[in-house]
Protein backbone atom coordinates (compact mmCIF):
# COMPACT_ATOMS: atom_id res chain seq x y z
CA HIS A 1 0.10 -0.22 -0.16
CA TRP A 2 2.69 2.72 0.99
CA LYS A 3 4.81 2.09 -1.83
CA LYS A 4 2.10 2.36 -4.25
CA ARG A 5 0.88 5.59 -2.61
CA MET A 6 4.84 7.16 -2.38
CA ALA A 7 5.18 6.18 -6.24
CA LYS A 8 1.91 8.39 -6.95
CA PHE A 9 2.74 11.06 -4.83
CA ASN A 10 6.13 11.30 -5.83
CA SER A 11 4.87 11.65 -9.57
CA LEU A 12 2.57 14.30 -8.28
CA LEU A 13 5.33 16.09 -6.86
CA ASP A 14 6.87 15.76 -10.15
CA GLN A 15 4.68 17.35 -12.25
CA ILE A 16 4.07 20.46 -9.83
CA LYS A 17 7.59 21.05 -10.03
CA GLY A 18 7.63 20.44 -13.58
CA GLN A 19 7.63 23.93 -16.00
CA GLU A 20 4.24 23.35 -16.94
CA CYS A 21 2.77 23.77 -13.19
CA LYS A 22 5.06 26.63 -12.97
CA ALA A 23 4.29 28.26 -15.79
CA ALA A 24 0.26 27.92 -14.55
CA LEU A 25 1.12 29.27 -11.22
CA GLY A 26 3.32 32.21 -12.73
CA ILE A 27 -0.07 33.07 -14.71
CA MET A 28 -2.52 32.48 -11.80
CA ILE A 29 -0.25 35.16 -9.65
CA ALA A 30 0.15 37.70 -12.34
CA ALA A 31 -3.83 37.33 -12.70
CA LYS A 32 -4.25 37.56 -9.15
CA SER A 33 -6.22 34.71 -9.30
CA LYS A 34 -8.45 33.45 -6.43
CA LEU A 35 -7.56 29.90 -6.98
CA ILE A 36 -3.79 30.48 -5.64
CA LYS A 37 -4.76 30.29 -2.30
CA ARG A 38 -6.37 26.73 -2.99
CA TRP A 39 -3.28 26.03 -5.02
CA LYS A 40 -0.92 26.31 -2.41
CA GLN A 41 -3.18 24.50 0.14
CA LEU A 42 -3.27 21.35 -2.38
CA ASP A 43 0.64 21.28 -2.92
CA THR A 44 1.36 21.47 1.23
CA GLN A 45 -1.47 18.47 1.29
CA ILE A 46 0.10 16.60 -1.33
CA THR A 47 3.81 17.42 -0.20
CA ASP A 48 2.68 15.90 3.45
CA SER A 49 1.34 12.90 1.95
CA ALA A 50 3.75 12.23 -0.34
CA ASN A 51 6.39 12.59 2.91
CA GLU A 52 4.14 10.48 4.94
CA ALA A 53 4.13 8.05 2.68
CA LYS A 54 8.33 7.87 2.03
CA ASP A 55 8.33 8.10 6.03
CA ASN A 56 6.05 4.85 6.12
CA VAL A 57 7.61 3.06 3.59
CA LYS A 58 11.37 3.59 5.01
CA PHE A 59 10.04 2.52 8.50
CA LEU A 60 8.38 -0.89 7.02
CA TYR A 61 11.63 -1.64 5.53
CA THR A 62 13.19 -1.25 8.98
CA LEU A 63 10.26 -3.31 10.37
CA GLU A 64 10.82 -6.33 7.60
CA LYS A 65 14.21 -6.57 8.50
CA PHE A 66 13.19 -7.95 11.72
CA CYS A 67 10.50 -9.67 10.70
CA ASP A 68 11.81 -11.77 8.40
CA PRO A 69 13.87 -13.93 10.58
CA LEU A 70 10.59 -14.94 12.48
CA TYR A 71 9.27 -16.27 9.53
CA LYS A 72 12.30 -18.46 8.67
CA ASN A 73 13.54 -19.72 12.20
CA ASP A 74 11.87 -22.24 14.77
CA PRO A 75 10.25 -20.37 17.83
CA VAL A 76 13.52 -21.08 19.81
CA THR A 77 15.41 -18.99 17.69
CA MET A 78 12.41 -16.35 17.29
CA VAL A 79 13.40 -15.50 20.73
CA ASP A 80 16.90 -13.82 19.96
CA HIS A 81 15.60 -11.58 17.65
CA ILE A 82 12.17 -10.33 19.37
CA ALA A 83 14.29 -7.69 21.00
CA GLY A 84 15.52 -6.28 18.05
CA LEU A 85 12.13 -5.73 16.37
CA LEU A 86 10.60 -4.29 19.96
CA ASN A 87 13.81 -1.62 19.55
CA ALA A 88 12.74 -1.18 16.02
CA VAL A 89 9.14 -0.39 17.25
CA ARG A 90 10.04 1.70 19.99
CA MET A 91 12.54 3.70 17.56
CA ILE A 92 10.13 4.08 14.68
CA HIS A 93 7.39 5.46 17.66
CA SER A 94 9.92 8.23 18.67
CA ILE A 95 11.06 9.48 15.49
CA SER A 96 8.25 8.96 12.73
CA ARG A 97 5.93 11.99 12.20
CA TYR A 98 3.21 9.40 10.82
CA TYR A 99 3.16 6.47 13.18
CA ASN A 100 -0.33 6.06 13.14
CA THR A 101 -1.38 6.05 9.79
């Protein structure tokens, strides 16, 4: 889910940063359009969503490193990997802005 979402929002960000959008924004500014305020709101929302997806993908990869041994080992060996998983969850909880999404 988050990988697809990150790809979609990164694509949107690339388009927003493109020359066509910059030209359109320049025209709206020159014309003192009432849409500028809404444009900036949408730009902020898209940027926030892209950052959220990127953040979540990064942390999911972190968790994946610790979860793989849980799938591949027997219950006795799993115990050795649980401490690392809990530390990763604690670290994610303390530094992620979007932990609950």
